[in-house]
């Protein structure tokens, strides 16, 4: 879950970056554990 407040102003770049990272994590989790990179160890 990601909570954001908005007063009508554009989001600053750091908030946009957090949204992008959150979306990537959601997409990765939707693909499941088989799609995650293998541990090199």
N, C-alpha and C. Protein backbone atom coordinates (compact mmCIF):
# COMPACT_ATOMS: atom_id res chain seq x y z
N UNK A 1 0.85 -1.16 0.00
CA UNK A 1 0.00 0.00 0.00
C UNK A 1 0.90 1.22 0.00
N UNK A 2 0.48 2.21 -0.75
CA UNK A 2 1.21 3.47 -0.81
C UNK A 2 0.19 4.59 -0.66
N UNK A 3 0.36 5.42 0.32
CA UNK A 3 -0.56 6.53 0.56
C UNK A 3 0.08 7.83 0.09
N UNK A 4 -0.69 8.60 -0.66
CA UNK A 4 -0.22 9.90 -1.15
C UNK A 4 -1.30 10.94 -0.91
N UNK A 5 -0.88 12.12 -0.55
CA UNK A 5 -1.80 13.24 -0.44
C UNK A 5 -1.59 14.12 -1.67
N UNK A 6 -2.66 14.76 -2.13
CA UNK A 6 -2.55 15.62 -3.30
C UNK A 6 -3.42 16.84 -3.08
N UNK A 7 -2.83 18.02 -3.22
CA UNK A 7 -3.57 19.26 -3.09
C UNK A 7 -3.79 19.92 -4.45
N UNK A 8 -3.60 19.13 -5.51
CA UNK A 8 -3.80 19.65 -6.86
C UNK A 8 -2.52 20.07 -7.55
N UNK A 9 -1.42 20.13 -6.82
CA UNK A 9 -0.14 20.52 -7.40
C UNK A 9 0.55 19.27 -7.95
N UNK A 10 1.41 19.45 -8.95
CA UNK A 10 2.17 18.30 -9.48
C UNK A 10 3.06 17.70 -8.40
N UNK A 11 3.28 16.39 -8.49
CA UNK A 11 4.16 15.73 -7.53
C UNK A 11 5.61 16.08 -7.84
N UNK A 12 6.43 16.24 -6.80
CA UNK A 12 7.86 16.49 -7.04
C UNK A 12 8.54 15.22 -7.56
N UNK A 13 9.71 15.37 -8.16
CA UNK A 13 10.40 14.23 -8.76
C UNK A 13 10.65 13.06 -7.80
N UNK A 14 10.92 13.33 -6.53
CA UNK A 14 11.18 12.23 -5.60
C UNK A 14 9.93 11.39 -5.37
N UNK A 15 8.75 12.00 -5.40
CA UNK A 15 7.51 11.24 -5.24
C UNK A 15 7.25 10.41 -6.50
N UNK A 16 7.51 10.98 -7.66
CA UNK A 16 7.35 10.24 -8.92
C UNK A 16 8.27 9.02 -8.92
N UNK A 17 9.50 9.20 -8.45
CA UNK A 17 10.45 8.08 -8.39
C UNK A 17 9.93 7.00 -7.45
N UNK A 18 9.38 7.37 -6.31
CA UNK A 18 8.82 6.38 -5.38
C UNK A 18 7.66 5.64 -6.01
N UNK A 19 6.82 6.34 -6.76
CA UNK A 19 5.70 5.69 -7.45
C UNK A 19 6.20 4.67 -8.47
N UNK A 20 7.23 5.03 -9.21
CA UNK A 20 7.78 4.12 -10.21
C UNK A 20 8.37 2.87 -9.55
N UNK A 21 9.09 3.04 -8.45
CA UNK A 21 9.67 1.89 -7.75
C UNK A 21 8.56 1.01 -7.20
N UNK A 22 7.52 1.62 -6.63
CA UNK A 22 6.40 0.86 -6.10
C UNK A 22 5.73 0.05 -7.22
N UNK A 23 5.52 0.68 -8.38
CA UNK A 23 4.89 -0.02 -9.51
C UNK A 23 5.76 -1.18 -9.99
N UNK A 24 7.08 -1.00 -10.00
CA UNK A 24 7.97 -2.08 -10.40
C UNK A 24 7.90 -3.24 -9.41
N UNK A 25 7.80 -2.94 -8.12
CA UNK A 25 7.69 -4.00 -7.12
C UNK A 25 6.38 -4.76 -7.27
N UNK A 26 5.31 -4.04 -7.54
CA UNK A 26 4.01 -4.69 -7.75
C UNK A 26 4.09 -5.60 -8.98
N UNK A 27 4.65 -5.10 -10.05
CA UNK A 27 4.76 -5.90 -11.28
C UNK A 27 5.61 -7.14 -11.03
N UNK A 28 6.70 -7.00 -10.30
CA UNK A 28 7.56 -8.14 -10.00
C UNK A 28 6.81 -9.17 -9.16
N UNK A 29 6.09 -8.70 -8.16
CA UNK A 29 5.34 -9.61 -7.29
C UNK A 29 4.20 -10.30 -8.04
N UNK A 30 3.61 -9.63 -9.00
CA UNK A 30 2.53 -10.23 -9.81
C UNK A 30 3.06 -11.37 -10.68
N UNK A 31 4.32 -11.26 -11.12
CA UNK A 31 4.91 -12.31 -11.96
C UNK A 31 5.20 -13.56 -11.16
N UNK A 32 5.42 -13.42 -9.86
CA UNK A 32 5.66 -14.57 -9.01
C UNK A 32 7.12 -14.86 -8.83
N UNK A 33 7.42 -15.81 -7.95
CA UNK A 33 8.82 -16.10 -7.62
C UNK A 33 9.62 -16.70 -8.78
N UNK A 34 8.97 -17.35 -9.72
CA UNK A 34 9.70 -17.96 -10.85
C UNK A 34 10.34 -16.92 -11.74
N UNK A 35 9.81 -15.69 -11.75
CA UNK A 35 10.32 -14.65 -12.65
C UNK A 35 11.40 -13.80 -11.99
N UNK A 36 11.67 -14.01 -10.69
CA UNK A 36 12.69 -13.20 -10.02
C UNK A 36 14.07 -13.73 -10.37
N UNK A 37 15.08 -12.85 -10.43
CA UNK A 37 16.43 -13.31 -10.78
C UNK A 37 16.95 -14.31 -9.76
N UNK A 38 17.73 -15.24 -10.22
CA UNK A 38 18.30 -16.27 -9.35
C UNK A 38 19.39 -15.65 -8.48
N UNK A 39 19.55 -16.17 -7.29
CA UNK A 39 20.59 -15.73 -6.38
C UNK A 39 21.93 -16.24 -6.89
N UNK A 40 22.93 -15.36 -7.10
CA UNK A 40 24.19 -15.81 -7.68
C UNK A 40 25.02 -16.70 -6.74
N UNK A 41 24.67 -16.80 -5.48
CA UNK A 41 25.43 -17.63 -4.55
C UNK A 41 25.16 -19.09 -4.71
